[in-house]
């Protein structure tokens, strides 16, 4: 059995604010509107579905996700841009190969991990 990633779904009480966060800070682009629910974004090849709680789904639903990670070839500039946008840096540490890694706050209790390309 072969599996591939189709999308990551983020649920937010403020879908437009969450959408702007990923567009402004991580270069996501709008793929399509999900009529009556939210938006699909393209985050460098990863599809992000952004919605609120969906009324016609009966299983337990939660806002957010723990974290997603991106790799940067310019760690200092990436962190400077995030800080300039008011994004809170939660922690900076060394990765397993000695590269720098940061966790930053995202909407709804989620985080983004910024990894310096080794």
PDB file of N, CA and C in Angstrom:
ATOM      1  N   UNK A   1       0.850  -1.183   0.000  1.00  0.00           N
ATOM      2  CA  UNK A   1       0.000   0.000   0.000  1.00  0.00           C
ATOM      3  C   UNK A   1       0.891   1.239   0.000  1.00  0.00           C
ATOM      4  N   UNK A   2       0.677   2.129  -0.951  1.00  0.00           N
ATOM      5  CA  UNK A   2       1.440   3.372  -1.043  1.00  0.00           C
ATOM      6  C   UNK A   2       0.574   4.530  -0.570  1.00  0.00           C
ATOM      7  N   UNK A   3       1.144   5.387   0.267  1.00  0.00           N
ATOM      8  CA  UNK A   3       0.442   6.568   0.756  1.00  0.00           C
ATOM      9  C   UNK A   3       1.236   7.808   0.404  1.00  0.00           C
ATOM     10  N   UNK A   4       0.540   8.898   0.132  1.00  0.00           N
ATOM     11  CA  UNK A   4       1.165  10.197  -0.065  1.00  0.00           C
ATOM     12  C   UNK A   4       0.370  11.229   0.703  1.00  0.00           C
ATOM     13  N   UNK A   5       1.001  12.330   1.056  1.00  0.00           N
ATOM     14  CA  UNK A   5       0.325  13.395   1.782  1.00  0.00           C
ATOM     15  C   UNK A   5      -0.553  14.172   0.803  1.00  0.00           C
ATOM     16  N   UNK A   6      -1.818  14.374   1.157  1.00  0.00           N
ATOM     17  CA  UNK A   6      -2.732  15.135   0.314  1.00  0.00           C
ATOM     18  C   UNK A   6      -2.895  16.554   0.818  1.00  0.00           C
ATOM     19  N   UNK A   7      -3.058  16.721   2.149  1.00  0.00           N
ATOM     20  CA  UNK A   7      -3.173  18.069   2.717  1.00  0.00           C
ATOM     21  C   UNK A   7      -2.992  18.016   4.220  1.00  0.00           C
ATOM     22  N   UNK A   8      -2.772  19.195   4.811  1.00  0.00           N
ATOM     23  CA  UNK A   8      -2.826  19.397   6.257  1.00  0.00           C
ATOM     24  C   UNK A   8      -4.004  20.322   6.498  1.00  0.00           C
ATOM     25  N   UNK A   9      -4.853  19.975   7.457  1.00  0.00           N
ATOM     26  CA  UNK A   9      -6.057  20.758   7.741  1.00  0.00           C
ATOM     27  C   UNK A   9      -5.876  21.483   9.070  1.00  0.00           C
ATOM     28  N   UNK A  10      -5.971  22.808   9.019  1.00  0.00           N
ATOM     29  CA  UNK A  10      -5.899  23.635  10.218  1.00  0.00           C
ATOM     30  C   UNK A  10      -7.282  24.217  10.469  1.00  0.00           C
ATOM     31  N   UNK A  11      -7.769  24.066  11.688  1.00  0.00           N
ATOM     32  CA  UNK A  11      -9.058  24.642  12.047  1.00  0.00           C
ATOM     33  C   UNK A  11      -8.823  25.840  12.944  1.00  0.00           C
ATOM     34  N   UNK A  12      -9.521  26.929  12.639  1.00  0.00           N
ATOM     35  CA  UNK A  12      -9.284  28.183  13.331  1.00  0.00           C
ATOM     36  C   UNK A  12     -10.590  28.911  13.608  1.00  0.00           C
ATOM     37  N   UNK A  13     -10.670  29.608  14.743  1.00  0.00           N
ATOM     38  CA  UNK A  13     -11.853  30.449  14.979  1.00  0.00           C
ATOM     39  C   UNK A  13     -11.814  31.722  14.121  1.00  0.00           C
ATOM     40  N   UNK A  14     -10.658  32.061  13.534  1.00  0.00           N
ATOM     41  CA  UNK A  14     -10.525  33.229  12.664  1.00  0.00           C
ATOM     42  C   UNK A  14      -9.743  32.804  11.416  1.00  0.00           C
ATOM     43  N   UNK A  15     -10.460  32.225  10.467  1.00  0.00           N
ATOM     44  CA  UNK A  15      -9.832  31.633   9.284  1.00  0.00           C
ATOM     45  C   UNK A  15      -9.050  32.673   8.483  1.00  0.00           C
ATOM     46  N   UNK A  16      -9.607  33.862   8.289  1.00  0.00           N
ATOM     47  CA  UNK A  16      -8.913  34.881   7.487  1.00  0.00           C
ATOM     48  C   UNK A  16      -7.614  35.339   8.147  1.00  0.00           C
ATOM     49  N   UNK A  17      -7.617  35.499   9.459  1.00  0.00           N
ATOM     50  CA  UNK A  17      -6.394  35.884  10.179  1.00  0.00           C
ATOM     51  C   UNK A  17      -5.334  34.793  10.035  1.00  0.00           C
ATOM     52  N   UNK A  18      -5.740  33.542  10.170  1.00  0.00           N
ATOM     53  CA  UNK A  18      -4.819  32.424  10.028  1.00  0.00           C
ATOM     54  C   UNK A  18      -4.273  32.362   8.611  1.00  0.00           C
ATOM     55  N   UNK A  19      -5.133  32.579   7.627  1.00  0.00           N
ATOM     56  CA  UNK A  19      -4.711  32.579   6.228  1.00  0.00           C
ATOM     57  C   UNK A  19      -3.647  33.655   5.998  1.00  0.00           C
ATOM     58  N   UNK A  20      -3.892  34.857   6.493  1.00  0.00           N
ATOM     59  CA  UNK A  20      -2.930  35.954   6.315  1.00  0.00           C
ATOM     60  C   UNK A  20      -1.593  35.646   6.979  1.00  0.00           C
ATOM     61  N   UNK A  21      -1.606  34.999   8.139  1.00  0.00           N
ATOM     62  CA  UNK A  21      -0.369  34.625   8.828  1.00  0.00           C
ATOM     63  C   UNK A  21       0.516  33.775   7.908  1.00  0.00           C
ATOM     64  N   UNK A  22      -0.044  32.724   7.310  1.00  0.00           N
ATOM     65  CA  UNK A  22       0.756  31.832   6.470  1.00  0.00           C
ATOM     66  C   UNK A  22       1.156  32.493   5.155  1.00  0.00           C
ATOM     67  N   UNK A  23       0.339  33.388   4.637  1.00  0.00           N
ATOM     68  CA  UNK A  23       0.687  34.116   3.418  1.00  0.00           C
ATOM     69  C   UNK A  23       1.810  35.117   3.699  1.00  0.00           C
ATOM     70  N   UNK A  24       1.638  35.951   4.720  1.00  0.00           N
ATOM     71  CA  UNK A  24       2.592  37.029   5.002  1.00  0.00           C
ATOM     72  C   UNK A  24       3.928  36.543   5.550  1.00  0.00           C
ATOM     73  N   UNK A  25       3.915  35.487   6.327  1.00  0.00           N
ATOM     74  CA  UNK A  25       5.136  35.045   6.993  1.00  0.00           C
ATOM     75  C   UNK A  25       5.841  33.884   6.321  1.00  0.00           C
ATOM     76  N   UNK A  26       5.128  33.065   5.565  1.00  0.00           N
ATOM     77  CA  UNK A  26       5.738  31.866   5.006  1.00  0.00           C
ATOM     78  C   UNK A  26       5.515  31.718   3.501  1.00  0.00           C
ATOM     79  N   UNK A  27       4.985  32.758   2.849  1.00  0.00           N
ATOM     80  CA  UNK A  27       4.872  32.742   1.397  1.00  0.00           C
ATOM     81  C   UNK A  27       3.827  31.813   0.827  1.00  0.00           C
ATOM     82  N   UNK A  28       2.842  31.422   1.636  1.00  0.00           N
ATOM     83  CA  UNK A  28       1.750  30.595   1.109  1.00  0.00           C
ATOM     84  C   UNK A  28       0.957  31.411   0.090  1.00  0.00           C
ATOM     85  N   UNK A  29       0.337  30.720  -0.837  1.00  0.00           N
ATOM     86  CA  UNK A  29      -0.519  31.364  -1.823  1.00  0.00           C
ATOM     87  C   UNK A  29      -1.901  30.722  -1.784  1.00  0.00           C
ATOM     88  N   UNK A  30      -2.898  31.492  -2.171  1.00  0.00           N
ATOM     89  CA  UNK A  30      -4.275  30.988  -2.186  1.00  0.00           C
ATOM     90  C   UNK A  30      -4.457  30.086  -3.397  1.00  0.00           C
ATOM     91  N   UNK A  31      -4.930  28.851  -3.150  1.00  0.00           N
ATOM     92  CA  UNK A  31      -5.262  27.932  -4.237  1.00  0.00           C
ATOM     93  C   UNK A  31      -6.727  28.071  -4.615  1.00  0.00           C
ATOM     94  N   UNK A  32      -7.598  28.023  -3.603  1.00  0.00           N
ATOM     95  CA  UNK A  32      -9.038  28.042  -3.884  1.00  0.00           C
ATOM     96  C   UNK A  32      -9.803  28.319  -2.605  1.00  0.00           C
ATOM     97  N   UNK A  33     -11.001  28.814  -2.783  1.00  0.00           N
ATOM     98  CA  UNK A  33     -11.925  28.941  -1.660  1.00  0.00           C
ATOM     99  C   UNK A  33     -12.655  27.607  -1.499  1.00  0.00           C
ATOM    100  N   UNK A  34     -12.866  27.205  -0.261  1.00  0.00           N
ATOM    101  CA  UNK A  34     -13.714  26.048   0.034  1.00  0.00           C
ATOM    102  C   UNK A  34     -15.074  26.658   0.356  1.00  0.00           C
ATOM    103  N   UNK A  35     -16.001  26.650  -0.575  1.00  0.00           N
ATOM    104  CA  UNK A  35     -17.254  27.406  -0.423  1.00  0.00           C
ATOM    105  C   UNK A  35     -17.951  27.151   0.916  1.00  0.00           C
ATOM    106  N   UNK A  36     -18.190  28.266   1.625  1.00  0.00           N
ATOM    107  CA  UNK A  36     -18.893  28.202   2.893  1.00  0.00           C
ATOM    108  C   UNK A  36     -18.079  27.668   4.060  1.00  0.00           C
ATOM    109  N   UNK A  37     -16.818  27.333   3.824  1.00  0.00           N
ATOM    110  CA  UNK A  37     -16.006  26.728   4.892  1.00  0.00           C
ATOM    111  C   UNK A  37     -14.689  27.437   5.135  1.00  0.00           C
ATOM    112  N   UNK A  38     -13.965  27.795   4.081  1.00  0.00           N
ATOM    113  CA  UNK A  38     -12.643  28.383   4.278  1.00  0.00           C
ATOM    114  C   UNK A  38     -11.856  28.444   2.997  1.00  0.00           C
ATOM    115  N   UNK A  39     -10.555  28.116   3.114  1.00  0.00           N
ATOM    116  CA  UNK A  39      -9.628  28.307   2.001  1.00  0.00           C
ATOM    117  C   UNK A  39      -8.635  27.163   1.900  1.00  0.00           C
ATOM    118  N   UNK A  40      -8.154  26.940   0.683  1.00  0.00           N
ATOM    119  CA  UNK A  40      -7.013  26.061   0.437  1.00  0.00           C
ATOM    120  C   UNK A  40      -5.827  26.953   0.091  1.00  0.00           C
ATOM    121  N   UNK A  41      -4.707  26.714   0.766  1.00  0.00           N
ATOM    122  CA  UNK A  41      -3.471  27.432   0.476  1.00  0.00           C
ATOM    123  C   UNK A  41      -2.427  26.453  -0.033  1.00  0.00           C
ATOM    124  N   UNK A  42      -1.473  26.971  -0.778  1.00  0.00           N
ATOM    125  CA  UNK A  42      -0.308  26.196  -1.189  1.00  0.00           C
ATOM    126  C   UNK A  42       0.879  26.733  -0.398  1.00  0.00           C
ATOM    127  N   UNK A  43       1.423  25.911   0.481  1.00  0.00           N
ATOM    128  CA  UNK A  43       2.603  26.276   1.270  1.00  0.00           C
ATOM    129  C   UNK A  43       3.792  25.525   0.674  1.00  0.00           C
ATOM    130  N   UNK A  44       4.357  26.088  -0.398  1.00  0.00           N
ATOM    131  CA  UNK A  44       5.534  25.516  -1.060  1.00  0.00           C
ATOM    132  C   UNK A  44       5.328  24.043  -1.406  1.00  0.00           C
ATOM    133  N   UNK A  45       4.173  23.750  -1.987  1.00  0.00           N
ATOM    134  CA  UNK A  45       3.863  22.388  -2.416  1.00  0.00           C
ATOM    135  C   UNK A  45       2.997  21.601  -1.449  1.00  0.00           C
ATOM    136  N   UNK A  46       2.833  22.083  -0.231  1.00  0.00           N
ATOM    137  CA  UNK A  46       1.964  21.423   0.745  1.00  0.00           C
ATOM    138  C   UNK A  46       0.619  22.138   0.757  1.00  0.00           C
ATOM    139  N   UNK A  47      -0.446  21.397   0.553  1.00  0.00           N
ATOM    140  CA  UNK A  47      -1.774  22.004   0.597  1.00  0.00           C
ATOM    141  C   UNK A  47      -2.233  22.144   2.046  1.00  0.00           C
ATOM    142  N   UNK A  48      -2.574  23.386   2.417  1.00  0.00           N
ATOM    143  CA  UNK A  48      -3.159  23.667   3.727  1.00  0.00           C
ATOM    144  C   UNK A  48      -4.631  23.967   3.524  1.00  0.00           C
ATOM    145  N   UNK A  49      -5.487  23.238   4.204  1.00  0.00           N
ATOM    146  CA  UNK A  49      -6.912  23.541   4.224  1.00  0.00           C
ATOM    147  C   UNK A  49      -7.192  24.284   5.520  1.00  0.00           C
ATOM    148  N   UNK A  50      -7.776  25.473   5.424  1.00  0.00           N
ATOM    149  CA  UNK A  50      -8.084  26.300   6.593  1.00  0.00           C
ATOM    150  C   UNK A  50      -9.588  26.466   6.697  1.00  0.00           C
ATOM    151  N   UNK A  51     -10.135  26.001   7.816  1.00  0.00           N
ATOM    152  CA  UNK A  51     -11.565  26.155   8.070  1.00  0.00           C
ATOM    153  C   UNK A  51     -11.777  26.418   9.550  1.00  0.00           C
ATOM    154  N   UNK A  52     -13.027  26.712   9.894  1.00  0.00           N
ATOM    155  CA  UNK A  52     -13.444  26.710  11.284  1.00  0.00           C
ATOM    156  C   UNK A  52     -13.963  25.327  11.618  1.00  0.00           C
ATOM    157  N   UNK A  53     -14.663  25.223  12.744  1.00  0.00           N
ATOM    158  CA  UNK A  53     -15.334  23.972  13.084  1.00  0.00           C
ATOM    159  C   UNK A  53     -16.440  23.778  12.052  1.00  0.00           C
ATOM    160  N   UNK A  54     -16.549  22.574  11.504  1.00  0.00           N
ATOM    161  CA  UNK A  54     -17.510  22.289  10.437  1.00  0.00           C
ATOM    162  C   UNK A  54     -18.752  21.642  11.046  1.00  0.00           C
ATOM    163  N   UNK A  55     -19.865  22.350  10.944  1.00  0.00           N
ATOM    164  CA  UNK A  55     -21.105  21.951  11.628  1.00  0.00           C
ATOM    165  C   UNK A  55     -21.626  20.579  11.209  1.00  0.00           C
ATOM    166  N   UNK A  56     -21.450  20.188   9.949  1.00  0.00           N
ATOM    167  CA  UNK A  56     -22.025  18.913   9.517  1.00  0.00           C
ATOM    168  C   UNK A  56     -21.071  17.721   9.688  1.00  0.00           C
ATOM    169  N   UNK A  57     -19.956  17.920  10.388  1.00  0.00           N
ATOM    170  CA  UNK A  57     -19.095  16.797  10.768  1.00  0.00           C
ATOM    171  C   UNK A  57     -19.412  16.430  12.205  1.00  0.00           C
ATOM    172  N   UNK A  58     -19.606  15.160  12.470  1.00  0.00           N
ATOM    173  CA  UNK A  58     -20.051  14.724  13.789  1.00  0.00           C
ATOM    174  C   UNK A  58     -18.925  14.267  14.714  1.00  0.00           C
ATOM    175  N   UNK A  59     -17.742  14.029  14.193  1.00  0.00           N
ATOM    176  CA  UNK A  59     -16.642  13.600  15.063  1.00  0.00           C
ATOM    177  C   UNK A  59     -16.117  14.807  15.841  1.00  0.00           C
ATOM    178  N   UNK A  60     -15.393  14.545  16.932  1.00  0.00           N
ATOM    179  CA  UNK A  60     -14.849  15.625  17.759  1.00  0.00           C
ATOM    180  C   UNK A  60     -13.835  16.426  16.946  1.00  0.00           C
ATOM    181  N   UNK A  61     -13.958  17.755  16.980  1.00  0.00           N
ATOM    182  CA  UNK A  61     -13.073  18.636  16.231  1.00  0.00           C
ATOM    183  C   UNK A  61     -12.339  19.566  17.191  1.00  0.00           C
ATOM    184  N   UNK A  62     -11.109  19.953  16.808  1.00  0.00           N
ATOM    185  CA  UNK A  62     -10.286  20.843  17.621  1.00  0.00           C
ATOM    186  C   UNK A  62      -9.676  21.906  16.731  1.00  0.00           C
ATOM    187  N   UNK A  63      -9.386  23.068  17.318  1.00  0.00           N
ATOM    188  CA  UNK A  63      -8.673  24.112  16.601  1.00  0.00           C
ATOM    189  C   UNK A  63      -7.186  23.805  16.594  1.00  0.00           C
ATOM    190  N   UNK A  64      -6.526  24.201  15.489  1.00  0.00           N
ATOM    191  CA  UNK A  64      -5.078  24.198  15.430  1.00  0.00           C
ATOM    192  C   UNK A  64      -4.434  22.893  15.012  1.00  0.00           C
ATOM    193  N   UNK A  65      -3.127  22.873  15.174  1.00  0.00           N
ATOM    194  CA  UNK A  65      -2.231  21.745  14.921  1.00  0.00           C
ATOM    195  C   UNK A  65      -0.991  22.034  15.774  1.00  0.00           C
ATOM    196  N   UNK A  66      -0.188  21.047  16.115  1.00  0.00           N
ATOM    197  CA  UNK A  66       0.978  21.302  16.960  1.00  0.00           C
ATOM    198  C   UNK A  66       2.010  22.139  16.216  1.00  0.00           C
ATOM    199  N   UNK A  67       2.594  21.603  15.139  1.00  0.00           N
ATOM    200  CA  UNK A  67       3.492  22.424  14.339  1.00  0.00           C
ATOM    201  C   UNK A  67       3.711  21.830  12.960  1.00  0.00           C
ATOM    202  N   UNK A  68       4.150  22.711  12.063  1.00  0.00           N
ATOM    203  CA  UNK A  68       4.667  22.329  10.756  1.00  0.00           C
ATOM    204  C   UNK A  68       6.070  22.905  10.688  1.00  0.00           C
ATOM    205  N   UNK A  69       6.910  22.341   9.833  1.00  0.00           N
ATOM    206  CA  UNK A  69       8.298  22.791   9.752  1.00  0.00           C
ATOM    207  C   UNK A  69       8.640  23.226   8.332  1.00  0.00           C
ATOM    208  N   UNK A  70       9.456  24.268   8.242  1.00  0.00           N
ATOM    209  CA  UNK A  70      10.019  24.716   6.969  1.00  0.00           C
ATOM    210  C   UNK A  70      11.529  24.808   7.117  1.00  0.00           C
ATOM    211  N   UNK A  71      12.240  24.648   6.005  1.00  0.00           N
ATOM    212  CA  UNK A  71      13.697  24.760   5.969  1.00  0.00           C
ATOM    213  C   UNK A  71      14.040  26.067   5.271  1.00  0.00           C
ATOM    214  N   UNK A  72      15.017  26.801   5.815  1.00  0.00           N
ATOM    215  CA  UNK A  72      15.452  28.054   5.208  1.00  0.00           C
ATOM    216  C   UNK A  72      16.941  28.021   4.914  1.00  0.00           C
ATOM    217  N   UNK A  73      17.323  28.646   3.793  1.00  0.00           N
ATOM    218  CA  UNK A  73      18.747  28.755   3.475  1.00  0.00           C
ATOM    219  C   UNK A  73      19.333  30.059   4.011  1.00  0.00           C
ATOM    220  N   UNK A  74      18.507  30.888   4.665  1.00  0.00           N
ATOM    221  CA  UNK A  74      18.990  32.129   5.292  1.00  0.00           C
ATOM    222  C   UNK A  74      18.278  32.300   6.637  1.00  0.00           C
ATOM    223  N   UNK A  75      18.757  31.573   7.613  1.00  0.00           N
ATOM    224  CA  UNK A  75      18.137  31.551   8.941  1.00  0.00           C
ATOM    225  C   UNK A  75      18.047  32.939   9.572  1.00  0.00           C
ATOM    226  N   UNK A  76      19.144  33.725   9.606  1.00  0.00           N
ATOM    227  CA  UNK A  76      19.048  35.047  10.244  1.00  0.00           C
ATOM    228  C   UNK A  76      18.009  35.957   9.572  1.00  0.00           C
ATOM    229  N   UNK A  77      17.969  35.971   8.250  1.00  0.00           N
ATOM    230  CA  UNK A  77      17.012  36.828   7.543  1.00  0.00           C
ATOM    231  C   UNK A  77      15.582  36.357   7.763  1.00  0.00           C
ATOM    232  N   UNK A  78      15.390  35.041   7.799  1.00  0.00           N
ATOM    233  CA  UNK A  78      14.044  34.504   8.032  1.00  0.00           C
ATOM    234  C   UNK A  78      13.539  34.912   9.406  1.00  0.00           C
ATOM    235  N   UNK A  79      14.375  34.751  10.430  1.00  0.00           N
ATOM    236  CA  UNK A  79      13.947  35.130  11.779  1.00  0.00           C
ATOM    237  C   UNK A  79      13.755  36.635  11.893  1.00  0.00           C
ATOM    238  N   UNK A  80      14.602  37.409  11.237  1.00  0.00           N
ATOM    239  CA  UNK A  80      14.445  38.870  11.269  1.00  0.00           C
ATOM    240  C   UNK A  80      13.117  39.279  10.638  1.00  0.00           C
ATOM    241  N   UNK A  81      12.758  38.655   9.526  1.00  0.00           N
ATOM    242  CA  UNK A  81      11.481  38.972   8.873  1.00  0.00           C
ATOM    243  C   UNK A  81      10.304  38.592   9.764  1.00  0.00           C
ATOM    244  N   UNK A  82      10.378  37.430  10.394  1.00  0.00           N
ATOM    245  CA  UNK A  82       9.294  37.005  11.287  1.00  0.00           C
ATOM    246  C   UNK A  82       9.167  37.971  12.468  1.00  0.00           C
ATOM    247  N   UNK A  83      10.287  38.294  13.090  1.00  0.00           N
ATOM    248  CA  UNK A  83      10.259  39.246  14.208  1.00  0.00           C
ATOM    249  C   UNK A  83       9.713  40.600  13.754  1.00  0.00           C
ATOM    250  N   UNK A  84      10.098  41.037  12.550  1.00  0.00           N
ATOM    251  CA  UNK A  84       9.608  42.293  12.003  1.00  0.00           C
ATOM    252  C   UNK A  84       8.106  42.299  11.796  1.00  0.00           C
ATOM    253  N   UNK A  85       7.541  41.113  11.571  1.00  0.00           N
ATOM    254  CA  UNK A  85       6.092  40.962  11.429  1.00  0.00           C
ATOM    255  C   UNK A  85       5.393  40.756  12.770  1.00  0.00           C
ATOM    256  N   UNK A  86       6.167  40.807  13.858  1.00  0.00           N
ATOM    257  CA  UNK A  86       5.571  40.653  15.181  1.00  0.00           C
ATOM    258  C   UNK A  86       5.361  39.222  15.615  1.00  0.00           C
ATOM    259  N   UNK A  87       5.967  38.258  14.907  1.00  0.00           N
ATOM    260  CA  UNK A  87       5.822  36.849  15.261  1.00  0.00           C
ATOM    261  C   UNK A  87       6.713  36.556  16.471  1.00  0.00           C
ATOM    262  N   UNK A  88       6.145  35.907  17.468  1.00  0.00           N
ATOM    263  CA  UNK A  88       6.875  35.586  18.697  1.00  0.00           C
ATOM    264  C   UNK A  88       7.756  34.358  18.495  1.00  0.00           C
ATOM    265  N   UNK A  89       9.050  34.509  18.769  1.00  0.00           N
ATOM    266  CA  UNK A  89       9.978  33.378  18.742  1.00  0.00           C
ATOM    267  C   UNK A  89       9.899  32.711  20.118  1.00  0.00           C
ATOM    268  N   UNK A  90       9.493  31.452  20.127  1.00  0.00           N
ATOM    269  CA  UNK A  90       9.285  30.722  21.380  1.00  0.00           C
ATOM    270  C   UNK A  90      10.569  30.110  21.911  1.00  0.00           C
ATOM    271  N   UNK A  91      11.417  29.631  20.996  1.00  0.00           N
ATOM    272  CA  UNK A  91      12.654  28.960  21.419  1.00  0.00           C
ATOM    273  C   UNK A  91      13.587  28.858  20.223  1.00  0.00           C
ATOM    274  N   UNK A  92      14.883  29.028  20.486  1.00  0.00           N
ATOM    275  CA  UNK A  92      15.912  28.764  19.490  1.00  0.00           C
ATOM    276  C   UNK A  92      16.861  27.735  20.082  1.00  0.00           C
ATOM    277  N   UNK A  93      17.253  26.767  19.259  1.00  0.00           N
ATOM    278  CA  UNK A  93      18.156  25.724  19.731  1.00  0.00           C
ATOM    279  C   UNK A  93      18.969  25.181  18.578  1.00  0.00           C
ATOM    280  N   UNK A  94      19.856  24.252  18.877  1.00  0.00           N
ATOM    281  CA  UNK A  94      20.691  23.616  17.853  1.00  0.00           C
ATOM    282  C   UNK A  94      20.032  22.308  17.436  1.00  0.00           C
ATOM    283  N   UNK A  95      20.020  22.070  16.124  1.00  0.00           N
ATOM    284  CA  UNK A  95      19.509  20.813  15.602  1.00  0.00           C
ATOM    285  C   UNK A  95      20.540  19.712  15.742  1.00  0.00           C
ATOM    286  N   UNK A  96      20.154  18.522  15.374  1.00  0.00           N
ATOM    287  CA  UNK A  96      21.025  17.362  15.507  1.00  0.00           C
ATOM    288  C   UNK A  96      22.312  17.462  14.710  1.00  0.00           C
ATOM    289  N   UNK A  97      22.304  18.195  13.598  1.00  0.00           N
ATOM    290  CA  UNK A  97      23.519  18.339  12.793  1.00  0.00           C
ATOM    291  C   UNK A  97      24.230  19.666  13.044  1.00  0.00           C
ATOM    292  N   UNK A  98      23.874  20.340  14.158  1.00  0.00           N
ATOM    293  CA  UNK A  98      24.528  21.585  14.517  1.00  0.00           C
ATOM    294  C   UNK A  98      23.896  22.812  13.891  1.00  0.00           C
ATOM    295  N   UNK A  99      22.878  22.608  13.069  1.00  0.00           N
ATOM    296  CA  UNK A  99      22.195  23.750  12.461  1.00  0.00           C
ATOM    297  C   UNK A  99      21.250  24.397  13.473  1.00  0.00           C
ATOM    298  N   UNK A 100      20.827  25.612  13.172  1.00  0.00           N
ATOM    299  CA  UNK A 100      19.925  26.328  14.069  1.00  0.00           C
ATOM    300  C   UNK A 100      18.470  25.969  13.772  1.00  0.00           C
ATOM    301  N   UNK A 101      17.682  25.956  14.846  1.00  0.00           N
ATOM    302  CA  UNK A 101      16.266  25.623  14.762  1.00  0.00           C
ATOM    303  C   UNK A 101      15.517  26.592  15.668  1.00  0.00           C
ATOM    304  N   UNK A 102      14.370  27.064  15.208  1.00  0.00           N
ATOM    305  CA  UNK A 102      13.529  27.929  16.040  1.00  0.00           C
ATOM    306  C   UNK A 102      12.084  27.452  15.956  1.00  0.00           C
ATOM    307  N   UNK A 103      11.385  27.625  17.060  1.00  0.00           N
ATOM    308  CA  UNK A 103       9.939  27.427  17.092  1.00  0.00           C
ATOM    309  C   UNK A 103       9.317  28.799  17.288  1.00  0.00           C
ATOM    310  N   UNK A 104       8.325  29.120  16.436  1.00  0.00           N
ATOM    311  CA  UNK A 104       7.652  30.410  16.516  1.00  0.00           C
ATOM    312  C   UNK A 104       6.153  30.184  16.670  1.00  0.00           C
ATOM    313  N   UNK A 105       5.498  31.168  17.291  1.00  0.00           N
ATOM    314  CA  UNK A 105       4.059  31.080  17.520  1.00  0.00           C
ATOM    315  C   UNK A 105       3.299  31.277  16.219  1.00  0.00           C
ATOM    316  N   UNK A 106       2.226  30.535  16.088  1.00  0.00           N
ATOM    317  CA  UNK A 106       1.290  30.660  14.966  1.00  0.00           C
ATOM    318  C   UNK A 106      -0.112  30.796  15.566  1.00  0.00           C
ATOM    319  N   UNK A 107      -1.109  31.110  14.763  1.00  0.00           N
ATOM    320  CA  UNK A 107      -2.463  31.267  15.304  1.00  0.00           C
ATOM    321  C   UNK A 107      -2.993  29.995  15.970  1.00  0.00           C
ATOM    322  N   UNK A 108      -3.884  30.185  16.922  1.00  0.00           N
ATOM    323  CA  UNK A 108      -4.662  29.117  17.550  1.00  0.00           C
ATOM    324  C   UNK A 108      -3.818  28.105  18.316  1.00  0.00           C
ATOM    325  N   UNK A 109      -2.686  28.562  18.872  1.00  0.00           N
ATOM    326  CA  UNK A 109      -1.860  27.678  19.683  1.00  0.00           C
ATOM    327  C   UNK A 109      -0.923  26.803  18.879  1.00  0.00           C
ATOM    328  N   UNK A 110      -0.937  26.929  17.562  1.00  0.00           N
ATOM    329  CA  UNK A 110      -0.031  26.142  16.738  1.00  0.00           C
ATOM    330  C   UNK A 110       1.348  26.801  16.725  1.00  0.00           C
ATOM    331  N   UNK A 111       2.309  26.111  16.158  1.00  0.00           N
ATOM    332  CA  UNK A 111       3.662  26.611  16.032  1.00  0.00           C
ATOM    333  C   UNK A 111       4.179  26.312  14.641  1.00  0.00           C
ATOM    334  N   UNK A 112       5.189  27.060  14.238  1.00  0.00           N
ATOM    335  CA  UNK A 112       5.962  26.743  13.037  1.00  0.00           C
ATOM    336  C   UNK A 112       7.393  26.508  13.498  1.00  0.00           C
ATOM    337  N   UNK A 113       8.039  25.519  12.909  1.00  0.00           N
ATOM    338  CA  UNK A 113       9.444  25.239  13.193  1.00  0.00           C
ATOM    339  C   UNK A 113      10.261  25.736  12.001  1.00  0.00           C
ATOM    340  N   UNK A 114      11.275  26.533  12.274  1.00  0.00           N
ATOM    341  CA  UNK A 114      12.151  27.064  11.244  1.00  0.00           C
ATOM    342  C   UNK A 114      13.488  26.343  11.370  1.00  0.00           C
ATOM    343  N   UNK A 115      13.898  25.635  10.326  1.00  0.00           N
ATOM    344  CA  UNK A 115      15.118  24.829  10.366  1.00  0.00           C
ATOM    345  C   UNK A 115      16.123  25.421   9.391  1.00  0.00           C
ATOM    346  N   UNK A 116      17.335  25.691   9.906  1.00  0.00           N
ATOM    347  CA  UNK A 116      18.411  26.176   9.036  1.00  0.00           C
ATOM    348  C   UNK A 116      18.907  25.019   8.178  1.00  0.00           C
ATOM    349  N   UNK A 117      18.955  25.256   6.860  1.00  0.00           N
ATOM    350  CA  UNK A 117      19.441  24.223   5.945  1.00  0.00           C
ATOM    351  C   UNK A 117      20.866  23.876   6.315  1.00  0.00           C
ATOM    352  N   UNK A 118      21.113  22.608   6.528  1.00  0.00           N
ATOM    353  CA  UNK A 118      22.452  22.151   6.945  1.00  0.00           C
ATOM    354  C   UNK A 118      23.393  22.084   5.767  1.00  0.00           C
TER     355      UNK A 118
END
